Amino acid sequence: MNDEQQNDLRKEMNKRFDDLDDQFAKLFDYLEERMNKTDASLDNKAEKSEVGRVLQTLDGLSGRLSDVETEQAAHASQLDRHEKKLKQLKPEAGLR
């Protein structure tokens, strides 16, 4: 193989490697873009699940608050009945 053939071969090899480098660069850019989109999508889903957990917690707290309010109303009613009964019993017990 003479020098000219070697140079031609070298040029052809360099061109092929440059083409491969370009293809790998394009593939890398594409994969990087896809991964960024996937990461962003997963971040949004994580946020949605966190919001779901917060809403569930708030719903549970709301239910417990409702139960406490109901119990408090029952205690207030019972206290009123006891106070009325004590007022009725005061004169009988000789208290003012």
Protein backbone atom coordinates (compact mmCIF):
# COMPACT_ATOMS: atom_id res chain seq x y z
CA MET A 1 0.00 0.00 0.00
CA ASN A 2 1.52 3.30 -1.03
CA ASP A 3 1.42 6.61 0.83
CA GLU A 4 -1.47 7.97 -1.16
CA GLN A 5 -3.60 4.90 -0.45
CA GLN A 6 -2.69 5.10 3.22
CA ASN A 7 -3.72 8.77 3.32
CA ASP A 8 -6.99 7.96 1.57
CA LEU A 9 -7.63 5.13 4.01
CA ARG A 10 -6.75 7.38 6.95
CA LYS A 11 -9.15 10.07 5.68
CA GLU A 12 -11.91 7.52 5.21
CA MET A 13 -11.36 6.11 8.70
CA ASN A 14 -11.34 9.60 10.22
CA LYS A 15 -14.57 10.42 8.38
CA ARG A 16 -16.22 7.26 9.68
CA PHE A 17 -15.08 7.98 13.24
CA ASP A 18 -16.34 11.56 12.91
CA ASP A 19 -19.69 10.21 11.69
CA LEU A 20 -19.82 7.81 14.63
CA ASP A 21 -18.96 10.66 17.02
CA ASP A 22 -21.81 12.71 15.54
CA GLN A 23 -24.24 9.81 15.87
CA PHE A 24 -23.21 9.19 19.48
CA ALA A 25 -23.52 12.91 20.26
CA LYS A 26 -27.04 12.98 18.78
CA LEU A 27 -27.97 9.82 20.67
CA PHE A 28 -26.56 11.23 23.89
CA ASP A 29 -28.48 14.51 23.44
CA TYR A 30 -31.69 12.60 22.71
CA LEU A 31 -31.27 10.33 25.75
CA GLU A 32 -30.41 13.27 27.98
CA GLU A 33 -33.53 15.13 26.85
CA ARG A 34 -35.70 12.05 27.45
CA MET A 35 -34.22 11.51 30.90
CA ASN A 36 -34.83 15.16 31.81
CA LYS A 37 -38.45 14.86 30.68
CA THR A 38 -38.83 11.64 32.66
CA ASP A 39 -37.29 13.23 35.75
CA ALA A 40 -39.63 16.21 35.45
CA SER A 41 -42.59 13.88 35.06
CA LEU A 42 -41.56 11.86 38.10
CA ASP A 43 -41.10 15.05 40.11
CA ASN A 44 -44.65 16.08 39.24
CA LYS A 45 -45.99 12.67 40.20
CA ALA A 46 -44.15 12.81 43.50
CA GLU A 47 -45.69 16.20 44.15
CA LYS A 48 -49.14 14.87 43.30
CA SER A 49 -48.73 11.93 45.66
CA GLU A 50 -47.54 14.28 48.40
CA VAL A 51 -50.60 16.46 47.84
CA GLY A 52 -52.76 13.34 48.00
CA ARG A 53 -51.24 12.38 51.34
CA VAL A 54 -51.76 15.91 52.68
CA LEU A 55 -55.38 15.85 51.54
CA GLN A 56 -55.92 12.47 53.19
CA THR A 57 -54.38 13.77 56.40
CA LEU A 58 -56.56 16.89 56.31
CA ASP A 59 -59.63 14.76 55.65
CA GLY A 60 -58.78 12.58 58.65
CA LEU A 61 -58.19 15.62 60.85
CA SER A 62 -61.46 17.15 59.68
CA GLY A 63 -63.30 13.97 60.66
CA ARG A 64 -61.62 13.91 64.06
CA LEU A 65 -62.44 17.60 64.60
CA SER A 66 -66.05 16.90 63.76
CA ASP A 67 -66.08 14.07 66.32
CA VAL A 68 -64.52 16.34 68.96
CA GLU A 69 -67.09 19.06 68.25
CA THR A 70 -69.92 16.53 68.60
CA GLU A 71 -68.50 15.28 71.91
CA GLN A 72 -68.02 18.85 73.11
CA ALA A 73 -71.66 19.67 72.32
CA ALA A 74 -72.77 16.54 74.20
CA HIS A 75 -70.60 17.51 77.22
CA ALA A 76 -71.99 21.07 77.18
CA SER A 77 -75.54 19.72 77.11
CA GLN A 78 -74.78 17.33 79.96
CA LEU A 79 -73.17 20.15 81.96
CA ASP A 80 -76.27 22.31 81.45
CA ARG A 81 -78.49 19.47 82.71
CA HIS A 82 -76.25 19.00 85.77
CA GLU A 83 -76.29 22.73 86.53
CA LYS A 84 -80.10 22.84 86.28
CA LYS A 85 -80.40 19.82 88.55
CA LEU A 86 -77.98 21.39 91.07
CA LYS A 87 -80.06 24.59 91.09
CA GLN A 88 -83.14 22.48 91.82
CA LEU A 89 -81.40 20.59 94.62
CA LYS A 90 -79.83 23.66 96.29
CA PRO A 91 -82.90 24.69 98.26
CA GLU A 92 -83.55 21.13 99.33
CA ALA A 93 -79.98 20.84 100.60
CA GLY A 94 -80.20 24.17 102.40
CA LEU A 95 -77.66 25.87 100.14
CA ARG A 96 -77.90 29.26 98.59
